[in-house]
């Protein structure tokens, strides 16, 4: 197998908020029929931040990953943040995570944020493996922490019931045996506004536009999105596998973005109707934006669904419209 950029996953960690909210609770709140959300959205429960912040959740996930790797923060050469949500517009999220770690205050390793919305973790992993290849970095932490629950509209049952909060972290290091086989990233701009939060940026800044629930909440035109994504995804996967010795059905473990029930169903159809090698945590965790992919990856590793030497495909769609895929072989050394 042709390894383009070697890396090992030394440690993994995950954090979910203390508050778990069932779909039945939301149905009662919104006046929906019993089991409506699970039947239509595919989610039974989700976690929502109360006292937690992006920073605090990211710190907890990173601490778990460091413990799993038998490392401490002094072993880290670079911290890459990979989130779409944040505590502050400035400074960047990874800098805040480093700031919150007492043992890291006197360290000067770089903190970088990468945002390709729901596929931010894939983009960050691609970037981090390039840093490892230079030889200047030995151990890199990637942390994704998402709080979407503060930007969803209860008047929109689809998005209000679909999204949740959570964080995940991995530590990658140099390796001789495993690593990145292929990465591909494409953006199809005709659907750029099918998923959007219109308020809060400079186009509709708070200085010019006061807070409005509709304007400052996440909006998704689900049917238009799926109509555009399906043909693009088929073309993307065909191109992706042309230069590899694999097909989608031959991958040991597929870790997709937990976008929606319909999105996972579409992937299953493309996988010749099989869900055996697809990691699905949507029912218990909901869509956690960029944290969905690393949370599912951490779950697969902890539950030993992904084993040493296995091939793993990270695959996701994101606002933009973006499709992002990364194929690697998994190993801890």
Protein backbone atom coordinates (compact mmCIF):
# COMPACT_ATOMS: atom_id res chain seq x y z
CA UNK A 1 0.00 0.00 0.00
CA UNK A 2 1.31 3.42 -0.96
CA UNK A 3 1.52 5.54 2.23
CA UNK A 4 1.82 9.19 1.19
CA UNK A 5 2.37 10.66 4.66
CA UNK A 6 3.14 8.36 7.61
CA UNK A 7 1.47 8.97 10.97
CA UNK A 8 0.30 7.04 13.98
CA UNK A 9 -2.61 7.81 16.28
CA UNK A 10 -1.04 7.63 19.71
CA UNK A 11 -4.03 8.65 21.79
CA UNK A 12 -7.69 9.57 21.55
CA UNK A 13 -10.19 11.34 23.80
CA UNK A 14 -13.82 12.42 23.80
CA UNK A 15 -16.03 14.63 25.96
CA UNK A 16 -19.79 15.16 26.00
CA UNK A 17 -21.69 17.66 28.17
CA UNK A 18 -23.30 16.48 31.39
CA UNK A 19 -26.82 17.24 30.15
CA UNK A 20 -28.41 14.61 27.91
CA UNK A 21 -31.64 15.67 26.21
CA UNK A 22 -33.94 12.99 24.85
CA UNK A 23 -36.00 13.37 21.71
CA UNK A 24 -39.12 12.73 23.77
CA UNK A 25 -38.33 15.83 25.87
CA UNK A 26 -38.01 17.95 22.74
CA UNK A 27 -41.22 16.49 21.30
CA UNK A 28 -43.10 17.50 24.44
CA UNK A 29 -41.54 20.98 24.34
CA UNK A 30 -42.37 21.56 20.67
CA UNK A 31 -45.74 19.79 20.68
CA UNK A 32 -44.63 17.03 18.29
CA UNK A 33 -46.04 13.49 18.20
CA UNK A 34 -44.21 10.83 20.20
CA UNK A 35 -41.23 9.29 18.32
CA UNK A 36 -41.61 11.88 15.54
CA UNK A 37 -37.95 12.95 15.84
CA UNK A 38 -36.43 9.48 15.76
CA UNK A 39 -38.59 8.42 12.81
CA UNK A 40 -37.82 11.56 10.79
CA UNK A 41 -34.40 12.71 12.02
CA UNK A 42 -32.88 9.50 13.40
CA UNK A 43 -31.84 10.91 16.79
CA UNK A 44 -32.97 9.56 20.18
CA UNK A 45 -30.74 11.74 22.37
CA UNK A 46 -28.17 14.50 22.19
CA UNK A 47 -25.88 16.28 24.65
CA UNK A 48 -26.18 20.02 25.22
CA UNK A 49 -23.76 22.34 26.97
CA UNK A 50 -24.99 24.20 30.05
CA UNK A 51 -21.94 25.25 32.04
CA UNK A 52 -19.44 23.90 29.51
CA UNK A 53 -17.66 26.03 26.90
CA UNK A 54 -15.88 25.15 23.68
CA UNK A 55 -12.63 25.61 25.57
CA UNK A 56 -13.52 23.51 28.61
CA UNK A 57 -14.82 20.62 26.49
CA UNK A 58 -11.75 20.74 24.25
CA UNK A 59 -9.48 20.68 27.31
CA UNK A 60 -11.22 17.60 28.71
CA UNK A 61 -11.02 15.73 25.40
CA UNK A 62 -7.33 16.64 25.04
CA UNK A 63 -6.52 15.53 28.58
CA UNK A 64 -8.08 12.15 27.87
CA UNK A 65 -6.13 11.83 24.61
CA UNK A 66 -2.85 12.71 26.36
CA UNK A 67 -3.53 10.12 29.06
CA UNK A 68 -4.37 7.53 26.41
CA UNK A 69 -1.08 8.31 24.64
CA UNK A 70 0.85 8.23 27.94
CA UNK A 71 2.02 11.79 27.24
CA UNK A 72 1.74 15.19 28.86
CA UNK A 73 1.29 18.58 27.25
CA UNK A 74 5.05 19.14 27.22
CA UNK A 75 5.32 16.38 24.60
CA UNK A 76 3.12 18.30 22.14
CA UNK A 77 4.81 20.31 19.38
CA UNK A 78 1.67 21.86 17.86
CA UNK A 79 -2.03 22.18 18.68
CA UNK A 80 -4.48 22.32 15.78
CA UNK A 81 -8.04 23.43 16.46
CA UNK A 82 -10.67 22.07 14.08
CA UNK A 83 -14.05 23.57 14.95
CA UNK A 84 -16.78 25.66 13.37
CA UNK A 85 -18.02 27.19 16.65
CA UNK A 86 -15.96 29.12 19.18
CA UNK A 87 -16.03 30.94 22.50
CA UNK A 88 -14.51 34.13 21.10
CA UNK A 89 -14.08 35.54 17.61
CA UNK A 90 -10.55 36.46 18.70
CA UNK A 91 -8.33 34.79 19.90
CA UNK A 92 -8.57 31.49 18.08
CA UNK A 93 -9.94 28.41 19.83
CA UNK A 94 -6.74 26.38 20.00
CA UNK A 95 -4.97 29.28 21.71
CA UNK A 96 -7.72 29.36 24.34
CA UNK A 97 -7.38 25.61 24.94
CA UNK A 98 -3.63 26.03 25.47
CA UNK A 99 -4.31 29.00 27.76
CA UNK A 100 -6.67 26.87 29.88
CA UNK A 101 -4.03 24.18 30.45
CA UNK A 102 -1.90 25.31 33.38
CA UNK A 103 1.03 23.11 32.34
CA UNK A 104 1.04 24.72 28.88
CA UNK A 105 1.16 28.39 29.87
CA UNK A 106 4.96 28.54 29.80
CA UNK A 107 5.23 26.50 26.59
CA UNK A 108 5.45 28.20 23.19
CA UNK A 109 4.28 25.58 20.69
CA UNK A 110 2.08 26.99 17.89
CA UNK A 111 -1.73 26.95 18.02
CA UNK A 112 -3.51 26.92 14.66
CA UNK A 113 -7.21 26.80 13.79
CA UNK A 114 -8.60 25.23 10.62
CA UNK A 115 -12.28 25.67 9.71
CA UNK A 116 -13.93 23.82 6.87
CA UNK A 117 -17.14 23.64 8.93
CA UNK A 118 -18.30 20.02 9.43
CA UNK A 119 -15.17 18.59 7.77
CA UNK A 120 -12.72 20.68 9.79
CA UNK A 121 -11.22 17.61 11.47
CA UNK A 122 -10.39 16.01 8.11
CA UNK A 123 -8.75 19.23 6.91
CA UNK A 124 -6.82 19.51 10.18
CA UNK A 125 -5.58 15.92 9.99
CA UNK A 126 -4.41 16.47 6.41
CA UNK A 127 -2.54 19.63 7.47
CA UNK A 128 -1.06 18.01 10.59
CA UNK A 129 0.35 15.09 8.60
CA UNK A 130 2.15 17.58 6.34
CA UNK A 131 3.75 19.12 9.44
CA UNK A 132 4.95 15.70 10.57
CA UNK A 133 6.57 15.03 7.19
CA UNK A 134 8.81 18.10 7.59
CA UNK A 135 10.49 16.42 10.54
CA UNK A 136 10.16 19.55 12.68
CA UNK A 137 7.17 18.15 14.58
CA UNK A 138 6.97 14.83 16.42
CA UNK A 139 3.63 14.95 18.25
CA UNK A 140 0.61 17.02 17.18
CA UNK A 141 -2.72 17.36 18.97
CA UNK A 142 -5.91 17.94 17.00
CA UNK A 143 -8.91 19.13 19.04
CA UNK A 144 -12.47 19.66 17.85
CA UNK A 145 -15.03 21.16 20.22
CA UNK A 146 -18.51 22.17 19.14
CA UNK A 147 -21.44 23.91 20.80
CA UNK A 148 -24.17 24.20 18.20
CA UNK A 149 -27.07 24.30 20.65
CA UNK A 150 -26.73 28.06 21.13
CA UNK A 151 -27.36 28.71 17.43
CA UNK A 152 -30.42 26.60 16.67
CA UNK A 153 -34.01 27.75 16.39
CA UNK A 154 -36.80 25.96 18.33
CA UNK A 155 -39.19 27.13 15.63
CA UNK A 156 -37.32 24.87 13.20
CA UNK A 157 -37.90 21.32 14.55
CA UNK A 158 -35.56 19.69 12.00
CA UNK A 159 -32.44 21.58 13.01
CA UNK A 160 -33.45 21.97 16.68
CA UNK A 161 -33.69 18.19 17.10
CA UNK A 162 -30.75 17.27 14.86
CA UNK A 163 -27.85 19.07 16.52
CA UNK A 164 -25.92 18.48 19.73
CA UNK A 165 -22.64 19.36 21.43
CA UNK A 166 -19.40 17.48 22.06
CA UNK A 167 -15.64 17.39 21.68
CA UNK A 168 -12.91 14.99 20.60
CA UNK A 169 -9.13 14.99 20.40
CA UNK A 170 -6.40 12.84 18.91
CA UNK A 171 -2.61 12.84 19.21
CA UNK A 172 -0.72 11.95 16.04
CA UNK A 173 2.98 11.16 15.80
CA UNK A 174 5.54 10.04 13.26
CA UNK A 175 5.29 6.44 12.07
CA UNK A 176 7.10 4.00 9.81
CA UNK A 177 4.20 1.68 9.05
CA UNK A 178 0.86 3.53 8.88
CA UNK A 179 -0.55 6.78 7.62
CA UNK A 180 -2.33 8.79 4.96
CA UNK A 181 -3.02 7.01 1.68
CA UNK A 182 -5.11 9.69 -0.04
CA UNK A 183 -6.84 12.98 0.71
CA UNK A 184 -9.25 14.87 -1.54
CA UNK A 185 -11.22 18.05 -0.88
CA UNK A 186 -13.70 19.72 -3.25
CA UNK A 187 -16.11 22.64 -2.88
CA UNK A 188 -19.25 22.99 -5.03
CA UNK A 189 -20.11 26.66 -4.58
CA UNK A 190 -23.55 26.70 -6.19
CA UNK A 191 -24.96 25.44 -2.88
CA UNK A 192 -22.95 27.75 -0.65
CA UNK A 193 -26.00 29.27 1.07
CA UNK A 194 -28.07 26.11 1.53
CA UNK A 195 -26.63 25.91 5.06
CA UNK A 196 -25.95 29.24 6.72
CA UNK A 197 -26.03 31.41 9.84
CA UNK A 198 -26.60 34.87 8.41
CA UNK A 199 -26.07 36.95 11.54
CA UNK A 200 -23.00 37.57 13.67
CA UNK A 201 -20.40 38.21 11.01
CA UNK A 202 -19.53 41.46 9.30
CA UNK A 203 -22.32 41.11 6.74
CA UNK A 204 -24.85 41.41 9.57
CA UNK A 205 -22.77 42.60 12.52
CA UNK A 206 -24.33 43.29 15.91
CA UNK A 207 -23.31 46.93 15.49
CA UNK A 208 -25.64 47.20 12.50
CA UNK A 209 -28.27 44.53 13.17
CA UNK A 210 -29.72 43.66 16.59
CA UNK A 211 -30.12 40.02 17.61
CA UNK A 212 -32.86 38.21 15.75
CA UNK A 213 -33.65 34.53 16.32
CA UNK A 214 -34.16 33.78 12.63
CA UNK A 215 -31.13 35.73 11.43
CA UNK A 216 -28.73 34.40 14.06
CA UNK A 217 -29.79 30.74 13.95
CA UNK A 218 -28.56 27.93 11.72
CA UNK A 219 -30.67 27.43 8.60
CA UNK A 220 -30.59 24.41 6.33
CA UNK A 221 -32.45 23.78 3.09
CA UNK A 222 -32.30 20.03 3.52
CA UNK A 223 -33.94 18.87 0.29
CA UNK A 224 -31.93 21.26 -1.90
CA UNK A 225 -28.78 20.20 -0.07
CA UNK A 226 -29.35 16.48 -0.61
CA UNK A 227 -30.32 17.04 -4.25
CA UNK A 228 -26.98 18.77 -4.87
CA UNK A 229 -24.83 16.54 -2.66
CA UNK A 230 -25.86 13.14 -4.03
CA UNK A 231 -24.51 13.47 -7.61
CA UNK A 232 -21.47 15.38 -6.35
CA UNK A 233 -20.70 12.67 -3.79
CA UNK A 234 -20.96 9.89 -6.37
CA UNK A 235 -18.56 11.74 -8.68
CA UNK A 236 -16.27 12.55 -5.74
CA UNK A 237 -15.99 8.92 -4.62
CA UNK A 238 -15.42 7.66 -8.15
CA UNK A 239 -12.53 10.09 -8.59
CA UNK A 240 -11.21 9.44 -5.08
CA UNK A 241 -10.83 5.69 -5.57
CA UNK A 242 -9.54 5.82 -9.16
CA UNK A 243 -5.95 6.26 -7.96
CA UNK A 244 -6.13 3.76 -5.10
CA UNK A 245 -6.33 -0.02 -5.02
CA UNK A 246 -9.61 0.13 -3.09
CA UNK A 247 -13.32 0.63 -3.58
CA UNK A 248 -15.73 1.98 -0.98
CA UNK A 249 -16.94 -1.52 -0.04
CA UNK A 250 -13.37 -2.73 0.55
CA UNK A 251 -12.60 -0.18 3.28
CA UNK A 252 -12.44 -1.79 6.73
CA UNK A 253 -14.05 1.14 8.57
CA UNK A 254 -15.87 4.18 7.16
CA UNK A 255 -16.21 7.12 9.57
CA UNK A 256 -18.69 9.58 8.05
CA UNK A 257 -19.95 12.94 9.25
CA UNK A 258 -23.12 12.23 11.21
CA UNK A 259 -24.99 14.70 9.03
CA UNK A 260 -28.48 13.26 9.12
CA UNK A 261 -30.51 10.07 8.86
CA UNK A 262 -30.95 10.63 5.12
CA UNK A 263 -27.23 11.36 4.66
CA UNK A 264 -26.20 8.11 6.35
CA UNK A 265 -28.83 6.22 4.36
CA UNK A 266 -27.41 7.65 1.14
CA UNK A 267 -23.91 6.50 2.10
CA UNK A 268 -25.22 3.02 2.88
CA UNK A 269 -26.74 2.81 -0.62
CA UNK A 270 -23.43 3.88 -2.17
CA UNK A 271 -21.80 1.15 -0.06
CA UNK A 272 -23.93 -1.45 -1.88
CA UNK A 273 -26.55 -1.44 0.83
CA UNK A 274 -24.21 -2.42 3.65
CA UNK A 275 -23.81 -0.57 6.92
CA UNK A 276 -21.49 -3.17 8.48
CA UNK A 277 -18.33 -1.04 8.06
CA UNK A 278 -19.98 2.36 8.66
CA UNK A 279 -19.64 3.99 12.09
CA UNK A 280 -23.02 5.45 13.06
CA UNK A 281 -23.36 7.40 16.34
CA UNK A 282 -26.15 9.71 15.17
CA UNK A 283 -28.86 8.07 17.30
CA UNK A 284 -27.06 8.67 20.62
CA UNK A 285 -25.02 11.81 19.85
CA UNK A 286 -26.87 13.63 17.05
CA UNK A 287 -25.03 15.90 14.58
CA UNK A 288 -22.16 17.60 16.46
CA UNK A 289 -20.92 19.62 13.46
CA UNK A 290 -17.14 19.22 13.07
CA UNK A 291 -16.91 17.09 16.23
CA UNK A 292 -19.05 14.33 14.69
CA UNK A 293 -16.26 12.75 12.65
CA UNK A 294 -13.58 12.66 15.39
CA UNK A 295 -16.14 11.57 18.00
CA UNK A 296 -17.13 8.68 15.74
CA UNK A 297 -13.46 7.89 15.09
CA UNK A 298 -12.67 7.87 18.83
CA UNK A 299 -15.69 5.62 19.40
CA UNK A 300 -14.50 3.18 16.71
CA UNK A 301 -11.02 3.03 18.24
CA UNK A 302 -12.20 2.67 21.84
CA UNK A 303 -14.71 -0.04 20.91
CA UNK A 304 -12.04 -1.77 18.76
CA UNK A 305 -14.13 -1.57 15.62
CA UNK A 306 -11.03 0.02 14.06
CA UNK A 307 -8.02 -2.24 14.61
CA UNK A 308 -4.29 -1.92 13.97
CA UNK A 309 -3.56 -2.17 10.26
CA UNK A 310 -7.17 -1.49 9.19
CA UNK A 311 -7.98 0.94 6.43
CA UNK A 312 -10.20 3.83 7.50
CA UNK A 313 -12.02 6.40 5.38
CA UNK A 314 -13.02 9.71 6.94
CA UNK A 315 -15.76 11.20 4.78
CA UNK A 316 -17.91 14.27 5.20
CA UNK A 317 -19.97 16.97 3.60
CA UNK A 318 -20.11 20.53 4.90
CA UNK A 319 -21.61 23.93 4.25
CA UNK A 320 -20.10 25.45 1.20
CA UNK A 321 -20.97 22.80 -0.26
CA UNK A 322 -17.79 20.90 0.58
CA UNK A 323 -16.96 17.19 0.31
CA UNK A 324 -13.86 15.99 2.11
CA UNK A 325 -12.34 12.51 2.23
CA UNK A 326 -9.19 11.06 3.79
CA UNK A 327 -8.08 7.43 3.60
CA UNK A 328 -5.48 6.12 6.04
CA UNK A 329 -4.23 2.96 7.65
CA UNK A 330 -4.62 2.90 11.41
CA UNK A 331 -1.87 2.15 13.88
CA UNK A 332 -0.64 3.33 17.27
CA UNK A 333 3.03 3.07 16.26
